[in-house]
């Protein structure tokens, strides 16, 4: 808690831990609607469930990595997709099923590494 100011208003120091940014916005909106003057000092955004994770990429093959890079560059993982498997296959000069297999294998390897590193 802070000390009273010259106009005898009470000051509070509030820390919030929220799981979603929208929750913090909701609290600030309620305070504003109640006529509370807000003077933010700092805002730290962090995810307590995520820490630095070291992932071993050595199990991802060169061909899988090339497919992943191309997929990212072309927007395959965007929503909506910027490219589909047919486009990636054409650029890589391989079949659609081969691209799909490379991506799935690489994704599975990376996900498994992340889960092991955080578990």
PDB file of N, CA and C in Angstrom:
ATOM      1  N   UNK A   1       0.833  -1.176   0.000  1.00  0.00           N
ATOM      2  CA  UNK A   1       0.000   0.000   0.000  1.00  0.00           C
ATOM      3  C   UNK A   1       0.875   1.235   0.000  1.00  0.00           C
ATOM      4  N   UNK A   2       0.423   2.250  -0.668  1.00  0.00           N
ATOM      5  CA  UNK A   2       1.157   3.506  -0.706  1.00  0.00           C
ATOM      6  C   UNK A   2       0.691   4.405   0.409  1.00  0.00           C
ATOM      7  N   UNK A   3       1.185   5.637   0.389  1.00  0.00           N
ATOM      8  CA  UNK A   3       0.768   6.595   1.405  1.00  0.00           C
ATOM      9  C   UNK A   3      -0.234   7.566   0.798  1.00  0.00           C
ATOM     10  N   UNK A   4      -1.063   8.183   1.620  1.00  0.00           N
ATOM     11  CA  UNK A   4      -2.042   9.131   1.101  1.00  0.00           C
ATOM     12  C   UNK A   4      -1.343  10.295   0.420  1.00  0.00           C
ATOM     13  N   UNK A   5      -1.944  10.806  -0.647  1.00  0.00           N
ATOM     14  CA  UNK A   5      -1.380  11.945  -1.348  1.00  0.00           C
ATOM     15  C   UNK A   5      -1.931  13.224  -0.745  1.00  0.00           C
ATOM     16  N   UNK A   6      -1.554  14.365  -1.337  1.00  0.00           N
ATOM     17  CA  UNK A   6      -1.992  15.661  -0.822  1.00  0.00           C
ATOM     18  C   UNK A   6      -3.515  15.812  -0.800  1.00  0.00           C
ATOM     19  N   UNK A   7      -4.218  15.148  -1.733  1.00  0.00           N
ATOM     20  CA  UNK A   7      -5.670  15.302  -1.775  1.00  0.00           C
ATOM     21  C   UNK A   7      -6.379  14.237  -0.940  1.00  0.00           C
ATOM     22  N   UNK A   8      -5.642  13.554  -0.082  1.00  0.00           N
ATOM     23  CA  UNK A   8      -6.176  12.551   0.841  1.00  0.00           C
ATOM     24  C   UNK A   8      -6.791  11.340   0.151  1.00  0.00           C
ATOM     25  N   UNK A   9      -6.469  11.118  -1.122  1.00  0.00           N
ATOM     26  CA  UNK A   9      -6.941   9.885  -1.763  1.00  0.00           C
ATOM     27  C   UNK A   9      -6.012   8.758  -1.349  1.00  0.00           C
ATOM     28  N   UNK A  10      -6.551   7.590  -1.279  1.00  0.00           N
ATOM     29  CA  UNK A  10      -5.772   6.431  -0.888  1.00  0.00           C
ATOM     30  C   UNK A  10      -5.138   5.814  -2.118  1.00  0.00           C
ATOM     31  N   UNK A  11      -3.879   5.420  -1.978  1.00  0.00           N
ATOM     32  CA  UNK A  11      -3.174   4.787  -3.079  1.00  0.00           C
ATOM     33  C   UNK A  11      -2.898   3.340  -2.724  1.00  0.00           C
ATOM     34  N   UNK A  12      -3.003   2.479  -3.722  1.00  0.00           N
ATOM     35  CA  UNK A  12      -2.724   1.067  -3.547  1.00  0.00           C
ATOM     36  C   UNK A  12      -1.754   0.623  -4.620  1.00  0.00           C
ATOM     37  N   UNK A  13      -0.923  -0.299  -4.247  1.00  0.00           N
ATOM     38  CA  UNK A  13      -0.066  -0.947  -5.232  1.00  0.00           C
ATOM     39  C   UNK A  13      -0.643  -2.340  -5.438  1.00  0.00           C
ATOM     40  N   UNK A  14      -0.992  -2.649  -6.680  1.00  0.00           N
ATOM     41  CA  UNK A  14      -1.651  -3.917  -6.983  1.00  0.00           C
ATOM     42  C   UNK A  14      -0.780  -4.720  -7.926  1.00  0.00           C
ATOM     43  N   UNK A  15      -0.612  -5.989  -7.617  1.00  0.00           N
ATOM     44  CA  UNK A  15       0.048  -6.931  -8.522  1.00  0.00           C
ATOM     45  C   UNK A  15      -0.991  -7.950  -8.943  1.00  0.00           C
ATOM     46  N   UNK A  16      -0.997  -8.253 -10.240  1.00  0.00           N
ATOM     47  CA  UNK A  16      -1.957  -9.232 -10.743  1.00  0.00           C
ATOM     48  C   UNK A  16      -1.214 -10.387 -11.397  1.00  0.00           C
ATOM     49  N   UNK A  17      -1.691 -11.569 -11.148  1.00  0.00           N
ATOM     50  CA  UNK A  17      -1.212 -12.743 -11.867  1.00  0.00           C
ATOM     51  C   UNK A  17      -2.435 -13.318 -12.564  1.00  0.00           C
ATOM     52  N   UNK A  18      -2.408 -13.284 -13.871  1.00  0.00           N
ATOM     53  CA  UNK A  18      -3.544 -13.765 -14.640  1.00  0.00           C
ATOM     54  C   UNK A  18      -3.062 -14.760 -15.680  1.00  0.00           C
ATOM     55  N   UNK A  19      -3.943 -15.653 -16.068  1.00  0.00           N
ATOM     56  CA  UNK A  19      -3.568 -16.664 -17.054  1.00  0.00           C
ATOM     57  C   UNK A  19      -3.720 -16.152 -18.483  1.00  0.00           C
ATOM     58  N   UNK A  20      -4.502 -15.095 -18.664  1.00  0.00           N
ATOM     59  CA  UNK A  20      -4.716 -14.539 -19.991  1.00  0.00           C
ATOM     60  C   UNK A  20      -4.669 -13.026 -19.912  1.00  0.00           C
ATOM     61  N   UNK A  21      -4.099 -12.397 -20.923  1.00  0.00           N
ATOM     62  CA  UNK A  21      -4.007 -10.944 -20.960  1.00  0.00           C
ATOM     63  C   UNK A  21      -5.383 -10.303 -20.886  1.00  0.00           C
ATOM     64  N   UNK A  22      -6.366 -10.947 -21.476  1.00  0.00           N
ATOM     65  CA  UNK A  22      -7.733 -10.415 -21.463  1.00  0.00           C
ATOM     66  C   UNK A  22      -8.254 -10.265 -20.033  1.00  0.00           C
ATOM     67  N   UNK A  23      -7.850 -11.143 -19.130  1.00  0.00           N
ATOM     68  CA  UNK A  23      -8.273 -11.042 -17.728  1.00  0.00           C
ATOM     69  C   UNK A  23      -7.744  -9.764 -17.092  1.00  0.00           C
ATOM     70  N   UNK A  24      -6.495  -9.415 -17.394  1.00  0.00           N
ATOM     71  CA  UNK A  24      -5.924  -8.173 -16.875  1.00  0.00           C
ATOM     72  C   UNK A  24      -6.669  -6.968 -17.436  1.00  0.00           C
ATOM     73  N   UNK A  25      -7.002  -7.021 -18.727  1.00  0.00           N
ATOM     74  CA  UNK A  25      -7.768  -5.925 -19.338  1.00  0.00           C
ATOM     75  C   UNK A  25      -9.120  -5.762 -18.658  1.00  0.00           C
ATOM     76  N   UNK A  26      -9.763  -6.877 -18.336  1.00  0.00           N
ATOM     77  CA  UNK A  26     -11.069  -6.829 -17.676  1.00  0.00           C
ATOM     78  C   UNK A  26     -10.963  -6.130 -16.316  1.00  0.00           C
ATOM     79  N   UNK A  27      -9.929  -6.465 -15.566  1.00  0.00           N
ATOM     80  CA  UNK A  27      -9.732  -5.834 -14.254  1.00  0.00           C
ATOM     81  C   UNK A  27      -9.504  -4.340 -14.416  1.00  0.00           C
ATOM     82  N   UNK A  28      -8.649  -3.958 -15.359  1.00  0.00           N
ATOM     83  CA  UNK A  28      -8.363  -2.541 -15.578  1.00  0.00           C
ATOM     84  C   UNK A  28      -9.608  -1.790 -16.047  1.00  0.00           C
ATOM     85  N   UNK A  29     -10.435  -2.421 -16.857  1.00  0.00           N
ATOM     86  CA  UNK A  29     -11.688  -1.804 -17.311  1.00  0.00           C
ATOM     87  C   UNK A  29     -12.626  -1.574 -16.133  1.00  0.00           C
ATOM     88  N   UNK A  30     -12.740  -2.547 -15.254  1.00  0.00           N
ATOM     89  CA  UNK A  30     -13.607  -2.408 -14.059  1.00  0.00           C
ATOM     90  C   UNK A  30     -13.121  -1.268 -13.164  1.00  0.00           C
ATOM     91  N   UNK A  31     -11.803  -1.185 -12.987  1.00  0.00           N
ATOM     92  CA  UNK A  31     -11.259  -0.105 -12.160  1.00  0.00           C
ATOM     93  C   UNK A  31     -11.540   1.253 -12.793  1.00  0.00           C
ATOM     94  N   UNK A  32     -11.366   1.326 -14.107  1.00  0.00           N
ATOM     95  CA  UNK A  32     -11.630   2.574 -14.819  1.00  0.00           C
ATOM     96  C   UNK A  32     -13.097   2.970 -14.698  1.00  0.00           C
ATOM     97  N   UNK A  33     -13.988   2.002 -14.857  1.00  0.00           N
ATOM     98  CA  UNK A  33     -15.428   2.279 -14.748  1.00  0.00           C
ATOM     99  C   UNK A  33     -15.811   2.714 -13.336  1.00  0.00           C
ATOM    100  N   UNK A  34     -15.031   2.292 -12.345  1.00  0.00           N
ATOM    101  CA  UNK A  34     -15.299   2.685 -10.956  1.00  0.00           C
ATOM    102  C   UNK A  34     -14.691   4.048 -10.636  1.00  0.00           C
ATOM    103  N   UNK A  35     -14.035   4.647 -11.623  1.00  0.00           N
ATOM    104  CA  UNK A  35     -13.463   5.978 -11.411  1.00  0.00           C
ATOM    105  C   UNK A  35     -12.098   5.961 -10.753  1.00  0.00           C
ATOM    106  N   UNK A  36     -11.461   4.832 -10.748  1.00  0.00           N
ATOM    107  CA  UNK A  36     -10.142   4.715 -10.138  1.00  0.00           C
ATOM    108  C   UNK A  36      -9.092   5.210 -11.126  1.00  0.00           C
ATOM    109  N   UNK A  37      -8.207   6.059 -10.651  1.00  0.00           N
ATOM    110  CA  UNK A  37      -7.110   6.536 -11.484  1.00  0.00           C
ATOM    111  C   UNK A  37      -5.970   5.543 -11.396  1.00  0.00           C
ATOM    112  N   UNK A  38      -5.500   5.134 -12.551  1.00  0.00           N
ATOM    113  CA  UNK A  38      -4.465   4.108 -12.595  1.00  0.00           C
ATOM    114  C   UNK A  38      -3.156   4.732 -13.079  1.00  0.00           C
ATOM    115  N   UNK A  39      -2.089   4.482 -12.332  1.00  0.00           N
ATOM    116  CA  UNK A  39      -0.752   4.932 -12.712  1.00  0.00           C
ATOM    117  C   UNK A  39       0.152   3.707 -12.761  1.00  0.00           C
ATOM    118  N   UNK A  40       0.187   3.025 -13.892  1.00  0.00           N
ATOM    119  CA  UNK A  40       1.013   1.808 -13.955  1.00  0.00           C
ATOM    120  C   UNK A  40       2.497   2.142 -13.834  1.00  0.00           C
ATOM    121  N   UNK A  41       3.179   1.377 -13.009  1.00  0.00           N
ATOM    122  CA  UNK A  41       4.621   1.545 -12.857  1.00  0.00           C
ATOM    123  C   UNK A  41       5.359   0.582 -13.771  1.00  0.00           C
ATOM    124  N   UNK A  42       4.965  -0.662 -13.724  1.00  0.00           N
ATOM    125  CA  UNK A  42       5.610  -1.664 -14.563  1.00  0.00           C
ATOM    126  C   UNK A  42       4.577  -2.699 -14.966  1.00  0.00           C
ATOM    127  N   UNK A  43       4.900  -3.391 -16.025  1.00  0.00           N
ATOM    128  CA  UNK A  43       4.070  -4.507 -16.451  1.00  0.00           C
ATOM    129  C   UNK A  43       5.002  -5.612 -16.900  1.00  0.00           C
ATOM    130  N   UNK A  44       4.948  -6.709 -16.240  1.00  0.00           N
ATOM    131  CA  UNK A  44       5.746  -7.866 -16.612  1.00  0.00           C
ATOM    132  C   UNK A  44       4.810  -8.934 -17.138  1.00  0.00           C
ATOM    133  N   UNK A  45       5.094  -9.390 -18.344  1.00  0.00           N
ATOM    134  CA  UNK A  45       4.302 -10.452 -18.935  1.00  0.00           C
ATOM    135  C   UNK A  45       5.179 -11.682 -19.007  1.00  0.00           C
ATOM    136  N   UNK A  46       4.733 -12.721 -18.367  1.00  0.00           N
ATOM    137  CA  UNK A  46       5.504 -13.958 -18.404  1.00  0.00           C
ATOM    138  C   UNK A  46       4.551 -15.136 -18.314  1.00  0.00           C
ATOM    139  N   UNK A  47       5.057 -16.264 -18.679  1.00  0.00           N
ATOM    140  CA  UNK A  47       4.278 -17.490 -18.602  1.00  0.00           C
ATOM    141  C   UNK A  47       4.966 -18.387 -17.580  1.00  0.00           C
ATOM    142  N   UNK A  48       4.361 -18.563 -16.404  1.00  0.00           N
ATOM    143  CA  UNK A  48       5.013 -19.362 -15.366  1.00  0.00           C
ATOM    144  C   UNK A  48       5.131 -20.835 -15.724  1.00  0.00           C
ATOM    145  N   UNK A  49       4.426 -21.269 -16.756  1.00  0.00           N
ATOM    146  CA  UNK A  49       4.456 -22.671 -17.144  1.00  0.00           C
ATOM    147  C   UNK A  49       5.536 -22.962 -18.178  1.00  0.00           C
ATOM    148  N   UNK A  50       6.195 -21.899 -18.673  1.00  0.00           N
ATOM    149  CA  UNK A  50       7.195 -22.089 -19.713  1.00  0.00           C
ATOM    150  C   UNK A  50       8.532 -21.588 -19.210  1.00  0.00           C
ATOM    151  N   UNK A  51       9.540 -22.389 -19.375  1.00  0.00           N
ATOM    152  CA  UNK A  51      10.891 -21.978 -19.035  1.00  0.00           C
ATOM    153  C   UNK A  51      11.754 -22.187 -20.269  1.00  0.00           C
ATOM    154  N   UNK A  52      13.009 -21.829 -20.146  1.00  0.00           N
ATOM    155  CA  UNK A  52      13.903 -22.070 -21.263  1.00  0.00           C
ATOM    156  C   UNK A  52      13.968 -23.567 -21.522  1.00  0.00           C
ATOM    157  N   UNK A  53      13.831 -23.930 -22.778  1.00  0.00           N
ATOM    158  CA  UNK A  53      13.835 -25.334 -23.154  1.00  0.00           C
ATOM    159  C   UNK A  53      14.907 -25.542 -24.213  1.00  0.00           C
ATOM    160  N   UNK A  54      15.756 -26.502 -23.982  1.00  0.00           N
ATOM    161  CA  UNK A  54      16.751 -26.868 -24.977  1.00  0.00           C
ATOM    162  C   UNK A  54      16.253 -28.113 -25.686  1.00  0.00           C
ATOM    163  N   UNK A  55      16.131 -27.996 -27.000  1.00  0.00           N
ATOM    164  CA  UNK A  55      15.603 -29.097 -27.795  1.00  0.00           C
ATOM    165  C   UNK A  55      16.711 -29.627 -28.687  1.00  0.00           C
ATOM    166  N   UNK A  56      16.885 -30.923 -28.668  1.00  0.00           N
ATOM    167  CA  UNK A  56      17.890 -31.578 -29.506  1.00  0.00           C
ATOM    168  C   UNK A  56      17.331 -31.740 -30.909  1.00  0.00           C
ATOM    169  N   UNK A  57      17.947 -31.042 -31.858  1.00  0.00           N
ATOM    170  CA  UNK A  57      17.487 -31.087 -33.239  1.00  0.00           C
ATOM    171  C   UNK A  57      18.196 -32.148 -34.061  1.00  0.00           C
ATOM    172  N   UNK A  58      19.105 -32.871 -33.446  1.00  0.00           N
ATOM    173  CA  UNK A  58      19.922 -33.821 -34.199  1.00  0.00           C
ATOM    174  C   UNK A  58      19.109 -34.980 -34.778  1.00  0.00           C
ATOM    175  N   UNK A  59      17.942 -35.244 -34.234  1.00  0.00           N
ATOM    176  CA  UNK A  59      17.118 -36.334 -34.749  1.00  0.00           C
ATOM    177  C   UNK A  59      16.257 -35.918 -35.948  1.00  0.00           C
ATOM    178  N   UNK A  60      16.255 -34.627 -36.276  1.00  0.00           N
ATOM    179  CA  UNK A  60      15.536 -34.160 -37.455  1.00  0.00           C
ATOM    180  C   UNK A  60      16.510 -34.251 -38.629  1.00  0.00           C
ATOM    181  N   UNK A  61      16.113 -34.991 -39.664  1.00  0.00           N
ATOM    182  CA  UNK A  61      16.999 -35.183 -40.808  1.00  0.00           C
ATOM    183  C   UNK A  61      17.092 -33.903 -41.639  1.00  0.00           C
ATOM    184  N   UNK A  62      18.087 -33.842 -42.502  1.00  0.00           N
ATOM    185  CA  UNK A  62      18.266 -32.680 -43.376  1.00  0.00           C
ATOM    186  C   UNK A  62      17.031 -32.485 -44.251  1.00  0.00           C
ATOM    187  N   UNK A  63      16.503 -33.567 -44.820  1.00  0.00           N
ATOM    188  CA  UNK A  63      15.326 -33.469 -45.681  1.00  0.00           C
ATOM    189  C   UNK A  63      14.101 -33.011 -44.897  1.00  0.00           C
ATOM    190  N   UNK A  64      13.954 -33.498 -43.670  1.00  0.00           N
ATOM    191  CA  UNK A  64      12.836 -33.060 -42.829  1.00  0.00           C
ATOM    192  C   UNK A  64      12.975 -31.574 -42.507  1.00  0.00           C
ATOM    193  N   UNK A  65      14.190 -31.143 -42.198  1.00  0.00           N
ATOM    194  CA  UNK A  65      14.439 -29.748 -41.860  1.00  0.00           C
ATOM    195  C   UNK A  65      14.138 -28.844 -43.054  1.00  0.00           C
ATOM    196  N   UNK A  66      14.545 -29.273 -44.245  1.00  0.00           N
ATOM    197  CA  UNK A  66      14.254 -28.503 -45.459  1.00  0.00           C
ATOM    198  C   UNK A  66      12.747 -28.363 -45.660  1.00  0.00           C
ATOM    199  N   UNK A  67      12.021 -29.435 -45.435  1.00  0.00           N
ATOM    200  CA  UNK A  67      10.565 -29.392 -45.579  1.00  0.00           C
ATOM    201  C   UNK A  67       9.948 -28.453 -44.534  1.00  0.00           C
ATOM    202  N   UNK A  68      10.436 -28.518 -43.297  1.00  0.00           N
ATOM    203  CA  UNK A  68       9.942 -27.632 -42.240  1.00  0.00           C
ATOM    204  C   UNK A  68      10.213 -26.169 -42.572  1.00  0.00           C
ATOM    205  N   UNK A  69      11.422 -25.874 -43.001  1.00  0.00           N
ATOM    206  CA  UNK A  69      11.778 -24.497 -43.345  1.00  0.00           C
ATOM    207  C   UNK A  69      10.894 -23.959 -44.459  1.00  0.00           C
ATOM    208  N   UNK A  70      10.737 -24.749 -45.512  1.00  0.00           N
ATOM    209  CA  UNK A  70       9.912 -24.328 -46.634  1.00  0.00           C
ATOM    210  C   UNK A  70       8.462 -24.131 -46.193  1.00  0.00           C
ATOM    211  N   UNK A  71       7.964 -25.061 -45.386  1.00  0.00           N
ATOM    212  CA  UNK A  71       6.589 -24.964 -44.891  1.00  0.00           C
ATOM    213  C   UNK A  71       6.393 -23.670 -44.093  1.00  0.00           C
ATOM    214  N   UNK A  72       7.350 -23.330 -43.257  1.00  0.00           N
ATOM    215  CA  UNK A  72       7.264 -22.088 -42.470  1.00  0.00           C
ATOM    216  C   UNK A  72       7.337 -20.868 -43.374  1.00  0.00           C
ATOM    217  N   UNK A  73       8.291 -20.879 -44.307  1.00  0.00           N
ATOM    218  CA  UNK A  73       8.467 -19.737 -45.212  1.00  0.00           C
ATOM    219  C   UNK A  73       7.236 -19.491 -46.072  1.00  0.00           C
ATOM    220  N   UNK A  74       6.584 -20.549 -46.489  1.00  0.00           N
ATOM    221  CA  UNK A  74       5.438 -20.425 -47.400  1.00  0.00           C
ATOM    222  C   UNK A  74       4.110 -20.274 -46.676  1.00  0.00           C
ATOM    223  N   UNK A  75       4.119 -20.320 -45.347  1.00  0.00           N
ATOM    224  CA  UNK A  75       2.892 -20.112 -44.586  1.00  0.00           C
ATOM    225  C   UNK A  75       2.040 -21.346 -44.387  1.00  0.00           C
ATOM    226  N   UNK A  76       2.640 -22.510 -44.510  1.00  0.00           N
ATOM    227  CA  UNK A  76       1.893 -23.761 -44.322  1.00  0.00           C
ATOM    228  C   UNK A  76       1.286 -23.841 -42.916  1.00  0.00           C
ATOM    229  N   UNK A  77       1.993 -23.293 -41.923  1.00  0.00           N
ATOM    230  CA  UNK A  77       1.512 -23.359 -40.543  1.00  0.00           C
ATOM    231  C   UNK A  77       0.661 -22.149 -40.153  1.00  0.00           C
ATOM    232  N   UNK A  78       0.461 -21.211 -41.075  1.00  0.00           N
ATOM    233  CA  UNK A  78      -0.381 -20.054 -40.800  1.00  0.00           C
ATOM    234  C   UNK A  78      -1.857 -20.458 -40.850  1.00  0.00           C
ATOM    235  N   UNK A  79      -2.689 -19.596 -40.293  1.00  0.00           N
ATOM    236  CA  UNK A  79      -4.127 -19.824 -40.370  1.00  0.00           C
ATOM    237  C   UNK A  79      -4.776 -18.566 -40.915  1.00  0.00           C
ATOM    238  N   UNK A  80      -5.303 -18.578 -42.097  1.00  0.00           N
ATOM    239  CA  UNK A  80      -5.385 -19.713 -43.020  1.00  0.00           C
ATOM    240  C   UNK A  80      -4.022 -20.011 -43.634  1.00  0.00           C
ATOM    241  N   UNK A  81      -3.897 -21.222 -44.131  1.00  0.00           N
ATOM    242  CA  UNK A  81      -2.640 -21.662 -44.719  1.00  0.00           C
ATOM    243  C   UNK A  81      -2.253 -20.789 -45.911  1.00  0.00           C
ATOM    244  N   UNK A  82      -0.959 -20.486 -45.989  1.00  0.00           N
ATOM    245  CA  UNK A  82      -0.444 -19.743 -47.121  1.00  0.00           C
ATOM    246  C   UNK A  82      -0.017 -20.668 -48.246  1.00  0.00           C
ATOM    247  N   UNK A  83       0.153 -21.932 -47.924  1.00  0.00           N
ATOM    248  CA  UNK A  83       0.554 -22.938 -48.918  1.00  0.00           C
ATOM    249  C   UNK A  83      -0.016 -24.279 -48.477  1.00  0.00           C
ATOM    250  N   UNK A  84      -0.204 -25.171 -49.436  1.00  0.00           N
ATOM    251  CA  UNK A  84      -0.669 -26.515 -49.092  1.00  0.00           C
ATOM    252  C   UNK A  84       0.407 -27.539 -49.452  1.00  0.00           C
ATOM    253  N   UNK A  85       0.129 -28.793 -49.159  1.00  0.00           N
ATOM    254  CA  UNK A  85       1.115 -29.852 -49.414  1.00  0.00           C
ATOM    255  C   UNK A  85       1.494 -29.951 -50.887  1.00  0.00           C
ATOM    256  N   UNK A  86       0.542 -29.734 -51.774  1.00  0.00           N
ATOM    257  CA  UNK A  86       0.825 -29.808 -53.215  1.00  0.00           C
ATOM    258  C   UNK A  86       1.862 -28.766 -53.622  1.00  0.00           C
ATOM    259  N   UNK A  87       1.716 -27.547 -53.103  1.00  0.00           N
ATOM    260  CA  UNK A  87       2.672 -26.485 -53.421  1.00  0.00           C
ATOM    261  C   UNK A  87       4.056 -26.792 -52.870  1.00  0.00           C
ATOM    262  N   UNK A  88       4.095 -27.292 -51.636  1.00  0.00           N
ATOM    263  CA  UNK A  88       5.382 -27.651 -51.029  1.00  0.00           C
ATOM    264  C   UNK A  88       6.029 -28.784 -51.807  1.00  0.00           C
ATOM    265  N   UNK A  89       5.238 -29.777 -52.185  1.00  0.00           N
ATOM    266  CA  UNK A  89       5.748 -30.924 -52.947  1.00  0.00           C
ATOM    267  C   UNK A  89       6.333 -30.460 -54.271  1.00  0.00           C
ATOM    268  N   UNK A  90       5.662 -29.564 -54.925  1.00  0.00           N
ATOM    269  CA  UNK A  90       6.137 -29.057 -56.213  1.00  0.00           C
ATOM    270  C   UNK A  90       7.484 -28.356 -56.053  1.00  0.00           C
ATOM    271  N   UNK A  91       7.612 -27.523 -55.025  1.00  0.00           N
ATOM    272  CA  UNK A  91       8.873 -26.803 -54.803  1.00  0.00           C
ATOM    273  C   UNK A  91      10.010 -27.739 -54.420  1.00  0.00           C
ATOM    274  N   UNK A  92       9.686 -28.785 -53.671  1.00  0.00           N
ATOM    275  CA  UNK A  92      10.722 -29.724 -53.246  1.00  0.00           C
ATOM    276  C   UNK A  92      11.005 -30.788 -54.303  1.00  0.00           C
ATOM    277  N   UNK A  93      10.126 -30.896 -55.277  1.00  0.00           N
ATOM    278  CA  UNK A  93      10.303 -31.899 -56.321  1.00  0.00           C
ATOM    279  C   UNK A  93      10.051 -33.322 -55.849  1.00  0.00           C
ATOM    280  N   UNK A  94       9.114 -33.459 -54.906  1.00  0.00           N
ATOM    281  CA  UNK A  94       8.755 -34.782 -54.371  1.00  0.00           C
ATOM    282  C   UNK A  94       7.242 -34.889 -54.325  1.00  0.00           C
ATOM    283  N   UNK A  95       6.752 -36.054 -53.970  1.00  0.00           N
ATOM    284  CA  UNK A  95       5.297 -36.250 -53.918  1.00  0.00           C
ATOM    285  C   UNK A  95       4.688 -35.570 -52.692  1.00  0.00           C
ATOM    286  N   UNK A  96       3.392 -35.353 -52.801  1.00  0.00           N
ATOM    287  CA  UNK A  96       2.628 -34.773 -51.695  1.00  0.00           C
ATOM    288  C   UNK A  96       2.735 -35.652 -50.442  1.00  0.00           C
ATOM    289  N   UNK A  97       2.639 -36.954 -50.624  1.00  0.00           N
ATOM    290  CA  UNK A  97       2.714 -37.861 -49.469  1.00  0.00           C
ATOM    291  C   UNK A  97       4.108 -37.838 -48.837  1.00  0.00           C
ATOM    292  N   UNK A  98       5.137 -37.636 -49.659  1.00  0.00           N
ATOM    293  CA  UNK A  98       6.501 -37.567 -49.112  1.00  0.00           C
ATOM    294  C   UNK A  98       6.678 -36.312 -48.256  1.00  0.00           C
ATOM    295  N   UNK A  99       6.132 -35.186 -48.713  1.00  0.00           N
ATOM    296  CA  UNK A  99       6.195 -33.951 -47.917  1.00  0.00           C
ATOM    297  C   UNK A  99       5.439 -34.144 -46.616  1.00  0.00           C
ATOM    298  N   UNK A 100       4.264 -34.709 -46.707  1.00  0.00           N
ATOM    299  CA  UNK A 100       3.454 -34.945 -45.523  1.00  0.00           C
ATOM    300  C   UNK A 100       4.203 -35.815 -44.514  1.00  0.00           C
ATOM    301  N   UNK A 101       4.822 -36.872 -45.003  1.00  0.00           N
ATOM    302  CA  UNK A 101       5.571 -37.782 -44.125  1.00  0.00           C
ATOM    303  C   UNK A 101       6.754 -37.067 -43.474  1.00  0.00           C
ATOM    304  N   UNK A 102       7.475 -36.279 -44.250  1.00  0.00           N
ATOM    305  CA  UNK A 102       8.628 -35.548 -43.700  1.00  0.00           C
ATOM    306  C   UNK A 102       8.189 -34.573 -42.616  1.00  0.00           C
ATOM    307  N   UNK A 103       7.128 -33.839 -42.897  1.00  0.00           N
ATOM    308  CA  UNK A 103       6.639 -32.871 -41.904  1.00  0.00           C
ATOM    309  C   UNK A 103       6.145 -33.567 -40.646  1.00  0.00           C
ATOM    310  N   UNK A 104       5.363 -34.636 -40.818  1.00  0.00           N
ATOM    311  CA  UNK A 104       4.840 -35.357 -39.637  1.00  0.00           C
ATOM    312  C   UNK A 104       5.968 -35.939 -38.805  1.00  0.00           C
ATOM    313  N   UNK A 105       6.962 -36.515 -39.452  1.00  0.00           N
ATOM    314  CA  UNK A 105       8.093 -37.102 -38.720  1.00  0.00           C
ATOM    315  C   UNK A 105       8.873 -36.029 -37.968  1.00  0.00           C
ATOM    316  N   UNK A 106       9.135 -34.915 -38.641  1.00  0.00           N
ATOM    317  CA  UNK A 106       9.862 -33.816 -37.995  1.00  0.00           C
ATOM    318  C   UNK A 106       9.058 -33.244 -36.831  1.00  0.00           C
ATOM    319  N   UNK A 107       7.777 -33.019 -37.056  1.00  0.00           N
ATOM    320  CA  UNK A 107       6.908 -32.487 -36.005  1.00  0.00           C
ATOM    321  C   UNK A 107       6.876 -33.421 -34.801  1.00  0.00           C
ATOM    322  N   UNK A 108       6.744 -34.713 -35.050  1.00  0.00           N
ATOM    323  CA  UNK A 108       6.703 -35.693 -33.958  1.00  0.00           C
ATOM    324  C   UNK A 108       8.005 -35.673 -33.170  1.00  0.00           C
ATOM    325  N   UNK A 109       9.124 -35.585 -33.871  1.00  0.00           N
ATOM    326  CA  UNK A 109      10.434 -35.543 -33.213  1.00  0.00           C
ATOM    327  C   UNK A 109      10.554 -34.296 -32.349  1.00  0.00           C
ATOM    328  N   UNK A 110      10.161 -33.153 -32.890  1.00  0.00           N
ATOM    329  CA  UNK A 110      10.262 -31.891 -32.147  1.00  0.00           C
ATOM    330  C   UNK A 110       9.320 -31.858 -30.951  1.00  0.00           C
ATOM    331  N   UNK A 111       8.098 -32.309 -31.142  1.00  0.00           N
ATOM    332  CA  UNK A 111       7.143 -32.323 -30.032  1.00  0.00           C
ATOM    333  C   UNK A 111       7.624 -33.250 -28.920  1.00  0.00           C
ATOM    334  N   UNK A 112       8.097 -34.420 -29.295  1.00  0.00           N
ATOM    335  CA  UNK A 112       8.612 -35.351 -28.291  1.00  0.00           C
ATOM    336  C   UNK A 112       9.788 -34.735 -27.518  1.00  0.00           C
ATOM    337  N   UNK A 113      10.684 -34.050 -28.228  1.00  0.00           N
ATOM    338  CA  UNK A 113      11.825 -33.402 -27.567  1.00  0.00           C
ATOM    339  C   UNK A 113      11.376 -32.330 -26.592  1.00  0.00           C
ATOM    340  N   UNK A 114      10.381 -31.537 -26.989  1.00  0.00           N
ATOM    341  CA  UNK A 114       9.874 -30.480 -26.109  1.00  0.00           C
ATOM    342  C   UNK A 114       9.213 -31.087 -24.876  1.00  0.00           C
ATOM    343  N   UNK A 115       8.404 -32.110 -25.078  1.00  0.00           N
ATOM    344  CA  UNK A 115       7.719 -32.749 -23.951  1.00  0.00           C
ATOM    345  C   UNK A 115       8.745 -33.354 -22.989  1.00  0.00           C
ATOM    346  N   UNK A 116       9.756 -34.021 -23.511  1.00  0.00           N
ATOM    347  CA  UNK A 116      10.788 -34.598 -22.653  1.00  0.00           C
ATOM    348  C   UNK A 116      11.564 -33.519 -21.913  1.00  0.00           C
ATOM    349  N   UNK A 117      11.849 -32.412 -22.591  1.00  0.00           N
ATOM    350  CA  UNK A 117      12.624 -31.331 -21.974  1.00  0.00           C
ATOM    351  C   UNK A 117      11.848 -30.607 -20.890  1.00  0.00           C
ATOM    352  N   UNK A 118      10.532 -30.588 -21.000  1.00  0.00           N
ATOM    353  CA  UNK A 118       9.716 -29.883 -20.022  1.00  0.00           C
ATOM    354  C   UNK A 118       9.097 -30.800 -18.981  1.00  0.00           C
ATOM    355  N   UNK A 119       9.251 -32.086 -19.184  1.00  0.00           N
ATOM    356  CA  UNK A 119       8.626 -33.059 -18.275  1.00  0.00           C
ATOM    357  C   UNK A 119       9.474 -33.380 -17.160  1.00  0.00           C
TER     358      UNK A 119
END
